[in-house]
């Protein structure tokens, strides 16, 4: 069976994506074939498509997808025909502690992704989607949704009444805000945009800090929390870690989720010792984490913020919108 797929061809560039018909093999034992109904975009997808991350060979784009099982390999029992499923960002990490480093197995980067109509895949690399989610909503979960879920609930679950600092308005941040509020936590948000601060307040944050107006926004968050923030999500990386350290309370926790603001800087680690802080670096999560998230979402009134939807044939336009930073919420691509 042939169906269209969108590739980036080295050296990359959004003006040079190509669509090719690709064969979808029949599923073997342990595999299923899914019809992809929706994808969602991540910042990482823009880096790959633009050539900022080199693939070395033509690569089918996109790491997140949701769809319907349309064929099942012999003996496969996890899923049956018609089941609604979504992909995992780290398909070889099923449970337990991580045992690998990097993105060599990440779809849309080290291996072919899901910017296509059909794909045959190991059933162990999939989970069910929440029963109350559409395909478009489910496609937003495998990277951004799971990153927020794992940060808040896997190692040291956020508790009602605790305060969490969620910086910016990335899609991980928006998920984290909604999840934290759903379990009764107090949320402090940050932005450099008055308009986005207003939208964060509408989404439920209890207080918003303008980090452009106040470079010492970490101290402001510390004061707003009373005696410091229980749990800080750091998405900026080393360039923002100093302010995360300023915001967190004694004995608090920082989840390091990204390096959006640069990979290196000079940070005073004194507060790490004097406050006795726990810092955990997180890269999305395992299939087991994703299954826990699905079960949790089925009991919470939380649905993703979707900014816009594009057809697969307009993927380059969708990626430009993602790269512009003007979106508020997830950008979805439908097949």
Protein backbone atom coordinates (compact mmCIF):
# COMPACT_ATOMS: atom_id res chain seq x y z
CA UNK A 1 0.00 0.00 0.00
CA UNK A 2 1.40 3.39 -1.04
CA UNK A 3 0.52 6.61 0.76
CA UNK A 4 2.03 10.11 0.90
CA UNK A 5 4.69 11.08 3.44
CA UNK A 6 6.47 14.41 3.97
CA UNK A 7 10.28 14.30 4.12
CA UNK A 8 13.03 16.74 4.92
CA UNK A 9 15.97 16.29 2.54
CA UNK A 10 19.46 17.33 3.72
CA UNK A 11 20.61 20.03 4.22
CA UNK A 12 17.02 20.86 5.19
CA UNK A 13 14.89 23.99 5.00
CA UNK A 14 11.16 24.61 5.14
CA UNK A 15 11.11 25.58 1.47
CA UNK A 16 12.53 22.20 0.52
CA UNK A 17 10.24 19.65 2.12
CA UNK A 18 9.18 16.94 -0.32
CA UNK A 19 6.17 14.65 -0.47
CA UNK A 20 6.78 11.11 -1.66
CA UNK A 21 4.64 8.00 -1.83
CA UNK A 22 5.95 5.47 0.68
CA UNK A 23 5.07 1.79 0.96
CA UNK A 24 3.38 0.64 4.16
CA UNK A 25 4.33 -3.00 4.83
CA UNK A 26 1.89 -5.52 6.24
CA UNK A 27 2.29 -5.84 10.01
CA UNK A 28 4.45 -8.70 11.27
CA UNK A 29 4.09 -10.39 14.68
CA UNK A 30 4.19 -7.70 17.35
CA UNK A 31 3.25 -4.94 14.89
CA UNK A 32 0.14 -3.04 13.89
CA UNK A 33 -0.64 -0.67 11.03
CA UNK A 34 -2.32 2.60 11.96
CA UNK A 35 -4.05 5.18 9.84
CA UNK A 36 -2.75 8.51 11.08
CA UNK A 37 -5.57 10.98 11.68
CA UNK A 38 -3.62 13.77 13.41
CA UNK A 39 -0.12 14.94 14.27
CA UNK A 40 1.02 17.81 16.47
CA UNK A 41 4.12 19.96 16.17
CA UNK A 42 6.95 20.51 18.62
CA UNK A 43 9.90 22.90 18.61
CA UNK A 44 12.14 19.91 17.90
CA UNK A 45 10.27 19.27 14.64
CA UNK A 46 11.14 22.78 13.42
CA UNK A 47 14.81 22.22 14.21
CA UNK A 48 14.85 19.01 12.17
CA UNK A 49 12.85 20.41 9.25
CA UNK A 50 14.94 23.57 9.03
CA UNK A 51 18.21 21.65 9.04
CA UNK A 52 19.33 23.00 12.41
CA UNK A 53 19.38 19.34 13.46
CA UNK A 54 20.89 17.31 10.62
CA UNK A 55 19.41 13.93 9.75
CA UNK A 56 22.12 12.82 7.32
CA UNK A 57 19.53 11.33 4.95
CA UNK A 58 15.93 12.03 3.90
CA UNK A 59 13.71 11.72 6.96
CA UNK A 60 9.93 11.54 7.35
CA UNK A 61 9.07 14.34 9.77
CA UNK A 62 7.08 14.62 13.02
CA UNK A 63 7.28 12.73 16.28
CA UNK A 64 3.69 12.77 17.58
CA UNK A 65 0.67 11.08 16.02
CA UNK A 66 -2.72 9.62 16.85
CA UNK A 67 -4.74 7.28 14.70
CA UNK A 68 -6.75 4.09 14.25
CA UNK A 69 -5.47 0.53 14.06
CA UNK A 70 -6.34 -0.81 10.59
CA UNK A 71 -4.26 -4.02 10.48
CA UNK A 72 -2.84 -6.32 13.17
CA UNK A 73 0.14 -8.66 12.97
CA UNK A 74 -0.21 -12.34 13.78
CA UNK A 75 -0.46 -13.01 17.49
CA UNK A 76 -0.61 -9.32 18.50
CA UNK A 77 -2.88 -8.93 21.53
CA UNK A 78 -2.27 -5.37 22.82
CA UNK A 79 -4.49 -3.76 20.18
CA UNK A 80 -7.23 -4.79 17.80
CA UNK A 81 -8.82 -3.39 14.66
CA UNK A 82 -10.46 -0.03 15.24
CA UNK A 83 -8.56 0.77 18.43
CA UNK A 84 -7.63 4.42 18.88
CA UNK A 85 -3.94 4.79 19.66
CA UNK A 86 -1.11 7.32 19.89
CA UNK A 87 2.63 7.06 19.47
CA UNK A 88 5.37 7.36 22.08
CA UNK A 89 8.27 9.80 21.71
CA UNK A 90 10.86 7.28 22.98
CA UNK A 91 9.51 4.06 21.45
CA UNK A 92 12.12 1.70 22.97
CA UNK A 93 11.63 2.95 26.55
CA UNK A 94 8.75 0.92 27.87
CA UNK A 95 9.20 1.17 31.65
CA UNK A 96 11.72 1.60 34.44
CA UNK A 97 14.76 3.86 34.38
CA UNK A 98 16.11 5.21 31.08
CA UNK A 99 19.08 3.33 29.64
CA UNK A 100 20.01 5.45 26.61
CA UNK A 101 21.11 8.97 25.75
CA UNK A 102 20.07 11.22 22.89
CA UNK A 103 17.56 11.16 20.04
CA UNK A 104 18.83 8.28 17.88
CA UNK A 105 15.54 6.40 18.28
CA UNK A 106 13.23 9.43 18.28
CA UNK A 107 10.73 9.45 15.39
CA UNK A 108 11.15 12.41 13.07
CA UNK A 109 14.80 12.76 14.07
CA UNK A 110 16.92 9.61 14.39
CA UNK A 111 14.32 7.46 12.60
CA UNK A 112 11.39 8.19 10.28
CA UNK A 113 8.43 9.92 11.86
CA UNK A 114 4.70 10.15 11.34
CA UNK A 115 4.04 12.86 8.73
CA UNK A 116 2.25 10.28 6.61
CA UNK A 117 -1.13 8.63 6.09
CA UNK A 118 -0.30 5.08 7.20
CA UNK A 119 2.50 3.56 9.26
CA UNK A 120 3.34 0.04 10.44
CA UNK A 121 4.84 0.11 13.90
CA UNK A 122 5.67 -2.03 16.90
CA UNK A 123 2.56 -2.25 19.06
CA UNK A 124 4.79 -1.80 22.12
CA UNK A 125 5.56 1.74 20.89
CA UNK A 126 1.89 2.76 21.19
CA UNK A 127 -0.63 3.44 23.93
CA UNK A 128 -4.36 3.91 23.92
CA UNK A 129 -5.61 7.47 23.86
CA UNK A 130 -7.91 8.89 26.56
CA UNK A 131 -11.48 7.83 25.83
CA UNK A 132 -12.64 11.45 26.07
CA UNK A 133 -10.04 12.84 23.63
CA UNK A 134 -10.36 13.38 19.89
CA UNK A 135 -7.53 12.30 17.58
CA UNK A 136 -6.41 15.93 17.31
CA UNK A 137 -6.32 16.30 21.09
CA UNK A 138 -4.53 12.98 21.56
CA UNK A 139 -1.83 13.93 19.05
CA UNK A 140 -0.77 16.76 21.38
CA UNK A 141 0.08 14.37 24.23
CA UNK A 142 3.14 12.19 23.45
CA UNK A 143 5.74 14.96 23.86
CA UNK A 144 4.35 18.14 25.43
CA UNK A 145 1.56 16.57 27.45
CA UNK A 146 3.71 13.74 28.78
CA UNK A 147 6.60 16.08 29.65
CA UNK A 148 4.28 18.17 31.82
CA UNK A 149 2.63 15.12 33.36
CA UNK A 150 5.89 13.42 34.27
CA UNK A 151 7.37 16.60 35.74
CA UNK A 152 4.38 17.14 38.01
CA UNK A 153 3.35 13.62 39.00
CA UNK A 154 5.93 10.90 38.41
CA UNK A 155 8.84 11.35 40.85
CA UNK A 156 7.31 13.60 43.51
CA UNK A 157 3.59 14.13 42.82
CA UNK A 158 2.32 17.67 43.14
CA UNK A 159 -0.15 17.99 45.99
CA UNK A 160 -3.20 20.22 46.50
CA UNK A 161 -2.24 23.54 48.03
CA UNK A 162 1.37 23.45 46.83
CA UNK A 163 2.71 26.19 44.57
CA UNK A 164 4.25 25.50 41.18
CA UNK A 165 6.11 27.98 38.97
CA UNK A 166 5.45 27.37 35.27
CA UNK A 167 7.48 29.67 33.01
CA UNK A 168 6.36 31.00 29.65
CA UNK A 169 3.57 29.87 27.38
CA UNK A 170 5.10 26.89 25.60
CA UNK A 171 2.77 23.97 25.03
CA UNK A 172 4.48 22.09 27.88
CA UNK A 173 3.79 25.09 30.11
CA UNK A 174 0.13 25.29 29.11
CA UNK A 175 -0.38 21.61 29.86
CA UNK A 176 1.40 22.01 33.21
CA UNK A 177 -0.78 24.96 34.20
CA UNK A 178 -3.97 23.05 33.46
CA UNK A 179 -2.80 19.89 35.22
CA UNK A 180 -1.60 21.74 38.30
CA UNK A 181 -4.86 23.65 38.65
CA UNK A 182 -6.86 20.45 38.14
CA UNK A 183 -5.27 18.91 41.26
CA UNK A 184 -5.72 22.02 43.39
CA UNK A 185 -2.25 23.56 43.23
CA UNK A 186 -1.48 27.27 43.09
CA UNK A 187 0.25 28.33 39.87
CA UNK A 188 2.58 31.25 39.16
CA UNK A 189 3.20 31.91 35.47
CA UNK A 190 5.68 34.09 33.59
CA UNK A 191 5.76 35.86 30.24
CA UNK A 192 7.32 38.86 28.53
CA UNK A 193 4.06 39.67 26.73
CA UNK A 194 1.19 41.54 28.36
CA UNK A 195 -1.23 39.79 25.98
CA UNK A 196 0.09 36.33 26.85
CA UNK A 197 0.07 37.15 30.57
CA UNK A 198 -3.62 37.93 30.21
CA UNK A 199 -4.22 34.62 28.45
CA UNK A 200 -2.31 32.76 31.16
CA UNK A 201 -4.55 34.36 33.78
CA UNK A 202 -7.59 33.33 31.76
CA UNK A 203 -6.22 29.78 31.69
CA UNK A 204 -6.12 29.74 35.48
CA UNK A 205 -2.74 30.93 36.76
CA UNK A 206 -3.06 32.65 40.13
CA UNK A 207 -0.35 35.23 39.46
CA UNK A 208 1.75 36.20 36.45
CA UNK A 209 5.21 37.76 36.40
CA UNK A 210 6.64 39.77 33.50
CA UNK A 211 10.23 38.58 33.22
CA UNK A 212 11.14 41.29 30.73
CA UNK A 213 10.13 44.05 33.13
CA UNK A 214 11.75 42.30 36.08
CA UNK A 215 15.00 40.40 35.35
CA UNK A 216 14.85 39.13 38.95
CA UNK A 217 11.55 37.39 38.32
CA UNK A 218 12.61 34.38 40.34
CA UNK A 219 12.72 36.44 43.53
CA UNK A 220 9.32 37.93 42.69
CA UNK A 221 7.90 34.42 42.32
CA UNK A 222 9.50 33.43 45.64
CA UNK A 223 7.75 36.35 47.36
CA UNK A 224 4.41 35.66 45.66
CA UNK A 225 4.56 32.09 46.95
CA UNK A 226 5.11 33.31 50.51
CA UNK A 227 8.18 31.29 51.43
CA UNK A 228 9.24 30.07 48.03
CA UNK A 229 7.84 27.83 45.31
CA UNK A 230 7.41 24.12 46.04
CA UNK A 231 8.02 22.95 42.47
CA UNK A 232 9.62 24.87 39.59
CA UNK A 233 9.47 23.77 35.98
CA UNK A 234 12.56 25.06 34.17
CA UNK A 235 12.21 25.06 30.39
CA UNK A 236 14.82 27.67 29.51
CA UNK A 237 17.87 25.69 30.63
CA UNK A 238 21.09 27.17 32.02
CA UNK A 239 20.07 30.69 31.00
CA UNK A 240 17.06 30.58 33.36
CA UNK A 241 18.28 28.19 36.03
CA UNK A 242 19.56 31.01 38.24
CA UNK A 243 16.04 32.45 38.49
CA UNK A 244 14.55 29.01 39.10
CA UNK A 245 17.00 28.61 41.98
CA UNK A 246 15.93 32.00 43.31
CA UNK A 247 12.25 31.06 43.14
CA UNK A 248 12.30 27.63 44.75
CA UNK A 249 11.80 27.17 48.48
CA UNK A 250 14.14 25.42 50.87
CA UNK A 251 13.83 21.70 50.23
CA UNK A 252 11.92 22.37 47.00
CA UNK A 253 12.17 20.76 43.59
CA UNK A 254 13.16 21.86 40.08
CA UNK A 255 12.24 19.83 37.00
CA UNK A 256 14.58 20.69 34.12
CA UNK A 257 12.63 20.09 30.91
CA UNK A 258 14.43 21.99 28.17
CA UNK A 259 17.14 24.31 26.93
CA UNK A 260 15.00 26.78 25.01
CA UNK A 261 17.11 29.77 26.11
CA UNK A 262 20.55 28.29 25.42
CA UNK A 263 22.70 25.33 26.44
CA UNK A 264 25.35 27.08 28.52
CA UNK A 265 25.75 29.95 30.97
CA UNK A 266 27.35 30.78 34.31
CA UNK A 267 25.10 29.88 37.23
CA UNK A 268 25.79 30.35 40.94
CA UNK A 269 25.06 26.94 42.44
CA UNK A 270 25.22 28.19 46.04
CA UNK A 271 21.38 28.11 46.43
CA UNK A 272 21.38 24.49 45.27
CA UNK A 273 23.38 23.59 48.37
CA UNK A 274 22.04 26.07 50.89
CA UNK A 275 18.40 25.40 49.99
CA UNK A 276 19.04 21.64 49.58
CA UNK A 277 17.10 21.54 46.34
CA UNK A 278 16.33 18.49 44.22
CA UNK A 279 16.92 19.03 40.47
CA UNK A 280 15.74 16.34 38.04
CA UNK A 281 16.44 16.38 34.32
CA UNK A 282 13.55 14.96 32.28
CA UNK A 283 13.22 13.94 28.63
CA UNK A 284 9.53 13.23 27.94
CA UNK A 285 8.85 9.76 29.43
CA UNK A 286 8.38 6.03 28.96
CA UNK A 287 5.37 4.13 27.65
CA UNK A 288 4.48 3.35 31.27
CA UNK A 289 4.52 7.06 32.08
CA UNK A 290 2.25 7.67 29.08
CA UNK A 291 -0.18 4.97 30.21
CA UNK A 292 -0.29 6.60 33.66
CA UNK A 293 -1.02 9.95 32.00
CA UNK A 294 -3.86 8.46 29.94
CA UNK A 295 -5.48 7.01 33.07
CA UNK A 296 -5.08 10.33 34.87
CA UNK A 297 -6.51 12.43 32.06
CA UNK A 298 -9.59 10.24 31.87
CA UNK A 299 -10.41 11.42 35.40
CA UNK A 300 -9.55 15.11 34.96
CA UNK A 301 -11.41 17.85 33.10
CA UNK A 302 -8.26 18.83 31.20
CA UNK A 303 -8.10 19.26 27.42
CA UNK A 304 -5.21 20.72 25.44
CA UNK A 305 -5.17 24.26 24.13
CA UNK A 306 -5.10 23.99 20.32
CA UNK A 307 -3.91 27.07 18.47
CA UNK A 308 -4.62 26.04 14.87
CA UNK A 309 -5.02 23.10 12.50
CA UNK A 310 -3.37 22.54 9.11
CA UNK A 311 -3.74 19.79 6.50
CA UNK A 312 -0.70 17.56 5.96
CA UNK A 313 -0.07 19.09 2.54
CA UNK A 314 0.46 22.46 4.27
CA UNK A 315 3.02 21.11 6.75
CA UNK A 316 5.64 23.71 5.78
CA UNK A 317 3.18 26.50 6.66
CA UNK A 318 2.40 24.83 9.97
CA UNK A 319 6.12 24.55 10.78
CA UNK A 320 6.66 28.23 9.94
CA UNK A 321 3.86 29.14 12.33
CA UNK A 322 5.44 26.93 15.00
CA UNK A 323 8.82 28.55 14.45
CA UNK A 324 7.42 32.07 14.60
CA UNK A 325 6.55 31.74 18.29
CA UNK A 326 3.21 33.50 17.70
CA UNK A 327 1.10 30.47 18.54
CA UNK A 328 -0.63 29.95 21.88
CA UNK A 329 -1.23 26.24 22.25
CA UNK A 330 -0.62 23.24 20.06
CA UNK A 331 -0.48 23.30 16.27
CA UNK A 332 -2.20 20.22 14.85
CA UNK A 333 -1.79 18.64 11.43
CA UNK A 334 -4.53 16.40 10.05
CA UNK A 335 -4.26 13.74 7.35
